[in-house]
C-alpha cells in the first residue's frame, strides 16, 4: 500500500564533488561501478592502499589532527 502512494520526483544535483585524494577517489569510483558491493570500510580502505579510517576522514575533508579531536 505504501508503494502505491509514492510518486517519482525529478532528480536534483546536490553539489557533491569527487574526492581529490587518490585513495578516496579509488573507493568512490569502485562504489559507483558496483553499488551492490557491501564491503565494510576496512575492506575498501585496504583496496585503496589506506588505513581503515583514512577514507572516512578524507570524505569529510578533515586533516588527521582535526579528525582525532
N, C-alpha and C. Protein backbone atom coordinates (compact mmCIF):
# COMPACT_ATOMS: atom_id res chain seq x y z
N UNK A 1 0.81 -1.19 0.00
CA UNK A 1 0.00 0.00 0.00
C UNK A 1 0.86 1.26 0.00
N UNK A 2 1.92 1.26 0.76
CA UNK A 2 2.78 2.43 0.82
C UNK A 2 3.36 2.76 -0.56
N UNK A 3 3.78 1.73 -1.29
CA UNK A 3 4.36 1.97 -2.61
C UNK A 3 3.35 2.58 -3.58
N UNK A 4 2.10 2.34 -3.37
CA UNK A 4 1.06 2.95 -4.21
C UNK A 4 1.00 4.46 -4.00
N UNK A 5 1.44 4.94 -2.85
CA UNK A 5 1.39 6.37 -2.54
C UNK A 5 2.62 7.13 -3.02
N UNK A 6 3.70 6.42 -3.31
CA UNK A 6 4.94 7.07 -3.73
C UNK A 6 4.86 7.51 -5.18
N UNK A 7 5.39 8.70 -5.44
CA UNK A 7 5.43 9.22 -6.81
C UNK A 7 6.87 9.59 -7.15
N UNK A 8 7.27 9.38 -8.39
CA UNK A 8 8.63 9.78 -8.78
C UNK A 8 8.79 11.30 -8.72
N UNK A 9 9.97 11.71 -8.39
CA UNK A 9 10.30 13.14 -8.37
C UNK A 9 11.51 13.36 -9.27
N UNK A 10 11.65 14.57 -9.80
CA UNK A 10 12.82 14.83 -10.65
C UNK A 10 14.12 14.73 -9.85
N UNK A 11 15.17 14.25 -10.51
CA UNK A 11 16.48 14.19 -9.88
C UNK A 11 17.02 15.59 -9.66
N UNK A 12 17.77 15.76 -8.59
CA UNK A 12 18.36 17.06 -8.28
C UNK A 12 19.85 16.92 -8.08
N UNK A 13 20.58 17.91 -8.50
CA UNK A 13 22.01 17.96 -8.25
C UNK A 13 22.21 18.50 -6.84
N UNK A 14 22.87 17.71 -6.00
CA UNK A 14 23.07 18.17 -4.63
C UNK A 14 24.48 18.71 -4.40
N UNK A 15 25.23 18.87 -5.48
CA UNK A 15 26.51 19.55 -5.42
C UNK A 15 27.65 18.76 -4.79
N UNK A 16 27.61 17.45 -4.84
CA UNK A 16 28.72 16.67 -4.31
C UNK A 16 29.87 16.69 -5.31
N UNK A 17 31.07 16.71 -4.79
CA UNK A 17 32.25 16.70 -5.65
C UNK A 17 33.00 15.38 -5.46
N UNK A 18 33.79 15.02 -6.46
CA UNK A 18 34.62 13.83 -6.36
C UNK A 18 35.77 14.10 -5.41
N UNK A 19 36.17 13.10 -4.64
CA UNK A 19 37.34 13.29 -3.76
C UNK A 19 38.58 13.60 -4.59
N UNK A 20 39.44 14.43 -4.05
CA UNK A 20 40.69 14.74 -4.76
C UNK A 20 41.82 13.81 -4.34
N UNK A 21 41.72 13.22 -3.17
CA UNK A 21 42.74 12.28 -2.73
C UNK A 21 42.61 11.00 -3.55
N UNK A 22 43.71 10.50 -4.10
CA UNK A 22 43.65 9.31 -4.96
C UNK A 22 43.05 8.09 -4.26
N UNK A 23 43.31 7.92 -2.97
CA UNK A 23 42.78 6.75 -2.25
C UNK A 23 41.26 6.85 -2.12
N UNK A 24 40.77 8.01 -1.74
CA UNK A 24 39.33 8.19 -1.61
C UNK A 24 38.64 8.12 -2.96
N UNK A 25 39.31 8.65 -3.98
CA UNK A 25 38.74 8.59 -5.33
C UNK A 25 38.63 7.15 -5.83
N UNK A 26 39.63 6.33 -5.52
CA UNK A 26 39.59 4.91 -5.88
C UNK A 26 38.36 4.24 -5.29
N UNK A 27 38.09 4.52 -4.02
CA UNK A 27 36.92 3.95 -3.35
C UNK A 27 35.63 4.48 -3.98
N UNK A 28 35.56 5.77 -4.23
CA UNK A 28 34.35 6.37 -4.82
C UNK A 28 34.06 5.79 -6.20
N UNK A 29 35.09 5.64 -7.02
CA UNK A 29 34.90 5.10 -8.36
C UNK A 29 34.47 3.63 -8.31
N UNK A 30 35.05 2.87 -7.38
CA UNK A 30 34.67 1.46 -7.25
C UNK A 30 33.23 1.33 -6.77
N UNK A 31 32.82 2.17 -5.85
CA UNK A 31 31.43 2.15 -5.38
C UNK A 31 30.46 2.49 -6.50
N UNK A 32 30.81 3.48 -7.30
CA UNK A 32 29.95 3.86 -8.41
C UNK A 32 29.85 2.73 -9.44
N UNK A 33 30.95 2.03 -9.63
CA UNK A 33 30.96 0.94 -10.61
C UNK A 33 30.12 -0.26 -10.15
N UNK A 34 30.03 -0.47 -8.84
CA UNK A 34 29.26 -1.61 -8.32
C UNK A 34 28.60 -1.21 -7.01
N UNK A 35 27.41 -0.66 -7.10
CA UNK A 35 26.70 -0.19 -5.91
C UNK A 35 26.25 -1.33 -5.00
N UNK A 36 26.32 -2.57 -5.48
CA UNK A 36 25.92 -3.71 -4.66
C UNK A 36 27.06 -4.26 -3.81
N UNK A 37 28.28 -3.75 -4.00
CA UNK A 37 29.42 -4.23 -3.22
C UNK A 37 29.25 -3.75 -1.78
N UNK A 38 29.12 -4.68 -0.86
CA UNK A 38 28.83 -4.31 0.52
C UNK A 38 30.04 -4.50 1.44
N UNK A 39 31.22 -4.34 0.87
CA UNK A 39 32.43 -4.44 1.70
C UNK A 39 32.38 -3.43 2.84
N UNK A 40 32.88 -3.78 4.02
CA UNK A 40 32.97 -2.79 5.09
C UNK A 40 34.05 -1.76 4.78
N UNK A 41 34.05 -0.68 5.52
CA UNK A 41 35.01 0.40 5.27
C UNK A 41 36.46 -0.10 5.31
N UNK A 42 36.76 -1.01 6.21
CA UNK A 42 38.13 -1.54 6.28
C UNK A 42 38.52 -2.25 4.99
N UNK A 43 37.58 -2.95 4.37
CA UNK A 43 37.86 -3.62 3.10
C UNK A 43 38.11 -2.63 1.98
N UNK A 44 37.31 -1.58 1.94
CA UNK A 44 37.52 -0.53 0.94
C UNK A 44 38.86 0.14 1.15
N UNK A 45 39.20 0.36 2.39
CA UNK A 45 40.48 1.01 2.71
C UNK A 45 41.65 0.19 2.21
N UNK A 46 41.61 -1.11 2.48
CA UNK A 46 42.70 -1.98 2.02
C UNK A 46 42.82 -1.95 0.50
N UNK A 47 41.68 -1.96 -0.20
CA UNK A 47 41.73 -1.98 -1.66
C UNK A 47 42.29 -0.67 -2.23
N UNK A 48 42.23 0.39 -1.45
CA UNK A 48 42.74 1.69 -1.89
C UNK A 48 44.13 1.97 -1.34
N UNK A 49 44.68 1.04 -0.57
CA UNK A 49 46.01 1.24 -0.01
C UNK A 49 46.03 2.23 1.13
N UNK A 50 44.99 2.24 1.94
CA UNK A 50 44.88 3.21 3.04
C UNK A 50 44.55 2.48 4.33
N UNK A 51 44.68 3.20 5.44
CA UNK A 51 44.27 2.67 6.74
C UNK A 51 42.75 2.66 6.83
N UNK A 52 42.24 2.00 7.84
CA UNK A 52 40.79 1.82 7.99
C UNK A 52 40.02 3.14 8.11
N UNK A 53 40.60 4.14 8.76
CA UNK A 53 39.86 5.39 8.98
C UNK A 53 40.14 6.45 7.92
N UNK A 54 41.13 6.23 7.09
CA UNK A 54 41.51 7.25 6.11
C UNK A 54 40.38 7.65 5.18
N UNK A 55 39.66 6.73 4.53
CA UNK A 55 38.57 7.17 3.64
C UNK A 55 37.49 7.98 4.36
N UNK A 56 37.16 7.60 5.58
CA UNK A 56 36.15 8.37 6.33
C UNK A 56 36.64 9.78 6.58
N UNK A 57 37.89 9.92 6.98
CA UNK A 57 38.46 11.23 7.24
C UNK A 57 38.54 12.06 5.97
N UNK A 58 38.95 11.44 4.87
CA UNK A 58 39.12 12.16 3.62
C UNK A 58 37.79 12.63 3.04
N UNK A 59 36.74 11.85 3.23
CA UNK A 59 35.46 12.24 2.64
C UNK A 59 34.80 13.38 3.39
N UNK A 60 35.19 13.62 4.63
CA UNK A 60 34.64 14.76 5.36
C UNK A 60 35.58 15.95 5.33
N UNK A 61 36.74 15.80 4.68
CA UNK A 61 37.66 16.91 4.45
C UNK A 61 38.41 17.38 5.68
N UNK A 62 38.70 16.50 6.61
CA UNK A 62 39.41 16.89 7.81
C UNK A 62 40.87 16.46 7.75
N UNK A 63 41.73 17.26 8.34
CA UNK A 63 43.12 16.85 8.50
C UNK A 63 43.17 15.80 9.61
N UNK A 64 44.23 14.99 9.66
CA UNK A 64 44.29 13.98 10.73
C UNK A 64 44.16 14.57 12.13
N UNK A 65 44.79 15.70 12.37
CA UNK A 65 44.70 16.33 13.69
C UNK A 65 43.28 16.73 14.07
N UNK A 66 42.58 17.32 13.14
CA UNK A 66 41.19 17.73 13.42
C UNK A 66 40.27 16.53 13.50
N UNK A 67 40.55 15.47 12.72
CA UNK A 67 39.71 14.28 12.73
C UNK A 67 39.73 13.62 14.11
N UNK A 68 40.90 13.60 14.76
CA UNK A 68 41.03 12.89 16.02
C UNK A 68 40.74 13.75 17.24
N UNK A 69 40.31 14.98 17.08
CA UNK A 69 39.94 15.83 18.23
C UNK A 69 38.63 15.42 18.80
